[in-house]
Each structure stands twice: as structure tokens, then as C-alpha cells.
Amino acid sequence: MNQRARIAMSDDDVTAFLESSRKLQLATINPDGTPHLVTMFYGLDEGRITFWTYTKAQKARNLARDPRVSCLVETGDDYGELRGVLVYGKAERVDDRDRVMDVGMMVARRMTPGVPDELLRPYVDKTGQKRVAYVVEHTKVVSWDHRRLT
């Protein structure tokens, strides 16, 4: 077995890792072809990464032009502790207000673990008025867990 295969996570491990993490690095493509990279809190909807942003944000403008994204979730400080999941895909825009609010609640729960929904709802209702949401339909998933090397 090659080293790449040894460190790849199973589908269940990928799911558990994404469920236990809070933030991701989101890469979209700027008009000049350069990457636009930002840190985002995210939610999961039936295993798919979801996020929301202001309608006029650079990432939203980039996605309107080209929906391709890379989403990196990683952890670990030392080489032997590194773990990560890299999701390549297309971000599908969600405009339906109820659905945008649902995504907003998913994201808000990750931002503030343990805070009851009734306290999060006013924030989501207010900030959600100027936001759109996205669901990432993955085309490829790459994972690694360097703890498997020892």
C-alpha cells in the first residue's frame, strides 16, 4: 500500500471530521484568475458543505461568474498530527429566503456551539436579510490523516 492510500480517510472518517470542525478555507476564482481565499464558518446539509455570505461580497461575485470552489478543513500543528479534507466542487446558490435562513442557522450553530436556537434566531433573521446561501456539490474529495503514519 502506498503512503497516500495509508493516510486517506474513509468516507465515515471524512464525515465525522467535517461534522466536528467549525471553519473552512474557501477558495473562489477572481476575475483575473487568481484565487480568492477566505475563512468561513460552515454548516452541513446531508453531508454537503453549506455557507452564506453577503450578496455583494467578493466571493458571491466570483461564484456568480464561476461556481467552482475548493473547501479546505484542516487541523494539526506537527507533521504527525496533520489531518484534513479538501472538497472540490461547485457552489450552488440558494435564494429562497427560508432556505437561506436554514443555512444561516446551521452556520450560526457552528459559530456559537451550545447557544440555544432562540438566541441565535434574531441574529440570523437580521443578518440574513442581505445574504445568500450556497450548497457545495462536491466533485472530488481528498483527505489525509498523518496520525496513520506512526
C-alpha atoms as a PDB file:
ATOM      1  CA  MET A   1       0.000   0.000   0.000  1.00  0.00           C
ATOM      2  CA  ASN A   2       1.425   3.398  -0.940  1.00  0.00           C
ATOM      3  CA  GLN A   3       1.698   6.169   1.625  1.00  0.00           C
ATOM      4  CA  ARG A   4      -1.113   8.229   0.038  1.00  0.00           C
ATOM      5  CA  ALA A   5      -3.530   5.327   0.428  1.00  0.00           C
ATOM      6  CA  ARG A   6      -2.384   4.779   4.038  1.00  0.00           C
ATOM      7  CA  ILE A   7      -3.268   8.314   5.106  1.00  0.00           C
ATOM      8  CA  ALA A   8      -6.564   8.697   3.226  1.00  0.00           C
ATOM      9  CA  MET A   9      -9.621   8.802   5.472  1.00  0.00           C
ATOM     10  CA  SER A  10     -12.604   6.524   4.986  1.00  0.00           C
ATOM     11  CA  ASP A  11     -15.915   8.106   3.979  1.00  0.00           C
ATOM     12  CA  ASP A  12     -17.114   7.757   7.585  1.00  0.00           C
ATOM     13  CA  ASP A  13     -13.944   9.431   8.868  1.00  0.00           C
ATOM     14  CA  VAL A  14     -14.396  12.300   6.395  1.00  0.00           C
ATOM     15  CA  THR A  15     -17.986  12.771   7.553  1.00  0.00           C
ATOM     16  CA  ALA A  16     -17.003  12.712  11.231  1.00  0.00           C
ATOM     17  CA  PHE A  17     -14.147  15.154  10.612  1.00  0.00           C
ATOM     18  CA  LEU A  18     -16.406  17.626   8.785  1.00  0.00           C
ATOM     19  CA  GLU A  19     -19.061  17.297  11.484  1.00  0.00           C
ATOM     20  CA  SER A  20     -16.561  18.018  14.259  1.00  0.00           C
ATOM     21  CA  SER A  21     -14.914  21.049  12.630  1.00  0.00           C
ATOM     22  CA  ARG A  22     -16.173  24.625  12.566  1.00  0.00           C
ATOM     23  CA  LYS A  23     -14.281  26.606   9.930  1.00  0.00           C
ATOM     24  CA  LEU A  24     -13.015  26.080   6.425  1.00  0.00           C
ATOM     25  CA  GLN A  25     -10.839  27.867   3.915  1.00  0.00           C
ATOM     26  CA  LEU A  26     -12.989  28.716   0.893  1.00  0.00           C
ATOM     27  CA  ALA A  27     -11.302  29.402  -2.427  1.00  0.00           C
ATOM     28  CA  THR A  28     -13.147  31.036  -5.315  1.00  0.00           C
ATOM     29  CA  ILE A  29     -11.738  32.439  -8.549  1.00  0.00           C
ATOM     30  CA  ASN A  30     -11.221  36.187  -9.006  1.00  0.00           C
ATOM     31  CA  PRO A  31     -11.905  37.853 -12.390  1.00  0.00           C
ATOM     32  CA  ASP A  32      -8.172  37.835 -13.178  1.00  0.00           C
ATOM     33  CA  GLY A  33      -7.914  34.082 -12.457  1.00  0.00           C
ATOM     34  CA  THR A  34      -6.178  34.407  -9.095  1.00  0.00           C
ATOM     35  CA  PRO A  35      -7.573  32.574  -6.067  1.00  0.00           C
ATOM     36  CA  HIS A  36      -9.684  34.441  -3.541  1.00  0.00           C
ATOM     37  CA  LEU A  37      -9.217  32.663  -0.214  1.00  0.00           C
ATOM     38  CA  VAL A  38     -11.241  33.339   2.940  1.00  0.00           C
ATOM     39  CA  THR A  39     -12.003  31.619   6.225  1.00  0.00           C
ATOM     40  CA  MET A  40     -15.669  30.771   6.685  1.00  0.00           C
ATOM     41  CA  PHE A  41     -17.839  29.103   9.278  1.00  0.00           C
ATOM     42  CA  TYR A  42     -19.907  26.457   7.559  1.00  0.00           C
ATOM     43  CA  GLY A  43     -22.821  24.112   8.029  1.00  0.00           C
ATOM     44  CA  LEU A  44     -23.580  20.642   6.751  1.00  0.00           C
ATOM     45  CA  ASP A  45     -26.759  19.677   4.955  1.00  0.00           C
ATOM     46  CA  GLU A  46     -26.999  15.948   4.311  1.00  0.00           C
ATOM     47  CA  GLY A  47     -23.199  15.841   4.255  1.00  0.00           C
ATOM     48  CA  ARG A  48     -22.832  18.771   1.863  1.00  0.00           C
ATOM     49  CA  ILE A  49     -20.946  21.883   2.897  1.00  0.00           C
ATOM     50  CA  THR A  50     -23.143  24.980   3.162  1.00  0.00           C
ATOM     51  CA  PHE A  51     -22.235  28.595   3.839  1.00  0.00           C
ATOM     52  CA  TRP A  52     -23.716  32.037   3.494  1.00  0.00           C
ATOM     53  CA  THR A  53     -22.338  35.439   2.674  1.00  0.00           C
ATOM     54  CA  TYR A  54     -23.417  38.958   1.889  1.00  0.00           C
ATOM     55  CA  THR A  55     -24.805  39.295  -1.620  1.00  0.00           C
ATOM     56  CA  LYS A  56     -22.190  41.899  -2.583  1.00  0.00           C
ATOM     57  CA  ALA A  57     -19.179  40.050  -1.115  1.00  0.00           C
ATOM     58  CA  GLN A  58     -16.284  39.275  -3.439  1.00  0.00           C
ATOM     59  CA  LYS A  59     -16.859  35.537  -3.061  1.00  0.00           C
ATOM     60  CA  ALA A  60     -20.505  35.921  -4.143  1.00  0.00           C
ATOM     61  CA  ARG A  61     -19.480  37.956  -7.185  1.00  0.00           C
ATOM     62  CA  ASN A  62     -16.849  35.357  -8.033  1.00  0.00           C
ATOM     63  CA  LEU A  63     -19.335  32.496  -7.683  1.00  0.00           C
ATOM     64  CA  ALA A  64     -21.863  34.245  -9.931  1.00  0.00           C
ATOM     65  CA  ARG A  65     -19.222  34.198 -12.653  1.00  0.00           C
ATOM     66  CA  ASP A  66     -17.662  30.781 -11.899  1.00  0.00           C
ATOM     67  CA  PRO A  67     -19.210  28.414  -9.329  1.00  0.00           C
ATOM     68  CA  ARG A  68     -16.086  26.259  -8.847  1.00  0.00           C
ATOM     69  CA  VAL A  69     -14.755  26.146  -5.285  1.00  0.00           C
ATOM     70  CA  SER A  70     -12.206  24.419  -3.118  1.00  0.00           C
ATOM     71  CA  CYS A  71     -13.031  23.970   0.564  1.00  0.00           C
ATOM     72  CA  LEU A  72     -10.241  23.020   2.964  1.00  0.00           C
ATOM     73  CA  VAL A  73     -10.857  21.897   6.528  1.00  0.00           C
ATOM     74  CA  GLU A  74      -7.668  21.029   8.394  1.00  0.00           C
ATOM     75  CA  THR A  75      -6.151  20.614  11.835  1.00  0.00           C
ATOM     76  CA  GLY A  76      -2.886  19.727  13.490  1.00  0.00           C
ATOM     77  CA  ASP A  77       0.317  21.554  14.323  1.00  0.00           C
ATOM     78  CA  ASP A  78       3.011  18.924  13.974  1.00  0.00           C
ATOM     79  CA  TYR A  79       3.512  16.841  10.836  1.00  0.00           C
ATOM     80  CA  GLY A  80       2.392  13.637  12.559  1.00  0.00           C
ATOM     81  CA  GLU A  81      -0.873  15.295  13.674  1.00  0.00           C
ATOM     82  CA  LEU A  82      -1.956  16.801  10.348  1.00  0.00           C
ATOM     83  CA  ARG A  83      -5.464  15.900   9.213  1.00  0.00           C
ATOM     84  CA  GLY A  84      -7.560  17.467   6.542  1.00  0.00           C
ATOM     85  CA  VAL A  85     -10.315  17.226   3.988  1.00  0.00           C
ATOM     86  CA  LEU A  86     -10.230  19.102   0.701  1.00  0.00           C
ATOM     87  CA  VAL A  87     -13.552  19.283  -1.135  1.00  0.00           C
ATOM     88  CA  TYR A  88     -13.598  20.352  -4.766  1.00  0.00           C
ATOM     89  CA  GLY A  89     -16.974  21.214  -6.186  1.00  0.00           C
ATOM     90  CA  LYS A  90     -19.497  23.689  -7.469  1.00  0.00           C
ATOM     91  CA  ALA A  91     -21.298  26.089  -5.163  1.00  0.00           C
ATOM     92  CA  GLU A  92     -24.992  26.234  -5.984  1.00  0.00           C
ATOM     93  CA  ARG A  93     -26.603  29.498  -4.944  1.00  0.00           C
ATOM     94  CA  VAL A  94     -29.683  29.391  -2.701  1.00  0.00           C
ATOM     95  CA  ASP A  95     -32.001  32.386  -2.952  1.00  0.00           C
ATOM     96  CA  ASP A  96     -35.123  31.018  -1.257  1.00  0.00           C
ATOM     97  CA  ARG A  97     -35.364  33.089   1.956  1.00  0.00           C
ATOM     98  CA  ASP A  98     -36.465  30.197   4.179  1.00  0.00           C
ATOM     99  CA  ARG A  99     -33.615  28.055   2.887  1.00  0.00           C
ATOM    100  CA  VAL A 100     -31.104  30.915   3.333  1.00  0.00           C
ATOM    101  CA  MET A 101     -32.276  31.213   6.951  1.00  0.00           C
ATOM    102  CA  ASP A 102     -31.877  27.449   7.424  1.00  0.00           C
ATOM    103  CA  VAL A 103     -28.281  27.670   6.207  1.00  0.00           C
ATOM    104  CA  GLY A 104     -27.764  30.709   8.427  1.00  0.00           C
ATOM    105  CA  MET A 105     -28.889  28.715  11.452  1.00  0.00           C
ATOM    106  CA  MET A 106     -26.540  25.849  10.537  1.00  0.00           C
ATOM    107  CA  VAL A 107     -23.644  28.291  10.321  1.00  0.00           C
ATOM    108  CA  ALA A 108     -24.616  30.189  13.485  1.00  0.00           C
ATOM    109  CA  ARG A 109     -24.742  26.958  15.479  1.00  0.00           C
ATOM    110  CA  ARG A 110     -21.131  26.232  14.472  1.00  0.00           C
ATOM    111  CA  MET A 111     -20.050  29.774  15.283  1.00  0.00           C
ATOM    112  CA  THR A 112     -21.519  29.605  18.777  1.00  0.00           C
ATOM    113  CA  PRO A 113     -21.711  25.989  19.985  1.00  0.00           C
ATOM    114  CA  GLY A 114     -24.201  25.407  22.774  1.00  0.00           C
ATOM    115  CA  VAL A 115     -26.137  28.648  22.291  1.00  0.00           C
ATOM    116  CA  PRO A 116     -29.864  27.895  22.068  1.00  0.00           C
ATOM    117  CA  ASP A 117     -31.598  28.459  18.726  1.00  0.00           C
ATOM    118  CA  GLU A 118     -33.970  31.027  20.234  1.00  0.00           C
ATOM    119  CA  LEU A 119     -30.961  33.248  20.984  1.00  0.00           C
ATOM    120  CA  LEU A 120     -29.410  32.703  17.551  1.00  0.00           C
ATOM    121  CA  ARG A 121     -32.582  33.328  15.531  1.00  0.00           C
ATOM    122  CA  PRO A 122     -32.637  37.166  15.922  1.00  0.00           C
ATOM    123  CA  TYR A 123     -29.024  37.394  14.648  1.00  0.00           C
ATOM    124  CA  VAL A 124     -29.792  35.106  11.703  1.00  0.00           C
ATOM    125  CA  ASP A 125     -33.019  36.952  10.865  1.00  0.00           C
ATOM    126  CA  LYS A 126     -31.265  40.327  10.885  1.00  0.00           C
ATOM    127  CA  THR A 127     -28.044  39.446   9.032  1.00  0.00           C
ATOM    128  CA  GLY A 128     -29.827  37.079   6.681  1.00  0.00           C
ATOM    129  CA  GLN A 129     -31.726  39.912   5.011  1.00  0.00           C
ATOM    130  CA  LYS A 130     -28.680  40.790   2.910  1.00  0.00           C
ATOM    131  CA  ARG A 131     -27.242  37.301   2.473  1.00  0.00           C
ATOM    132  CA  VAL A 132     -27.388  34.453   0.026  1.00  0.00           C
ATOM    133  CA  ALA A 133     -26.504  30.870   0.792  1.00  0.00           C
ATOM    134  CA  TYR A 134     -24.602  28.200  -1.089  1.00  0.00           C
ATOM    135  CA  VAL A 135     -24.542  24.425  -1.088  1.00  0.00           C
ATOM    136  CA  VAL A 136     -21.375  22.778  -2.367  1.00  0.00           C
ATOM    137  CA  GLU A 137     -21.953  19.816  -4.647  1.00  0.00           C
ATOM    138  CA  HIS A 138     -18.651  18.017  -4.426  1.00  0.00           C
ATOM    139  CA  THR A 139     -16.890  16.667  -7.494  1.00  0.00           C
ATOM    140  CA  LYS A 140     -13.834  15.318  -5.661  1.00  0.00           C
ATOM    141  CA  VAL A 141     -12.802  14.803  -2.035  1.00  0.00           C
ATOM    142  CA  VAL A 142      -9.193  14.379  -0.905  1.00  0.00           C
ATOM    143  CA  SER A 143      -8.336  13.553   2.708  1.00  0.00           C
ATOM    144  CA  TRP A 144      -5.329  12.829   4.865  1.00  0.00           C
ATOM    145  CA  ASP A 145      -4.632  11.749   8.416  1.00  0.00           C
ATOM    146  CA  HIS A 146      -0.927  11.734   9.234  1.00  0.00           C
ATOM    147  CA  ARG A 147      -1.599  10.022  12.552  1.00  0.00           C
ATOM    148  CA  ARG A 148      -1.821   6.828  10.493  1.00  0.00           C
ATOM    149  CA  LEU A 149       1.865   7.100   9.627  1.00  0.00           C
ATOM    150  CA  THR A 150       3.031   6.080  13.105  1.00  0.00           C
END
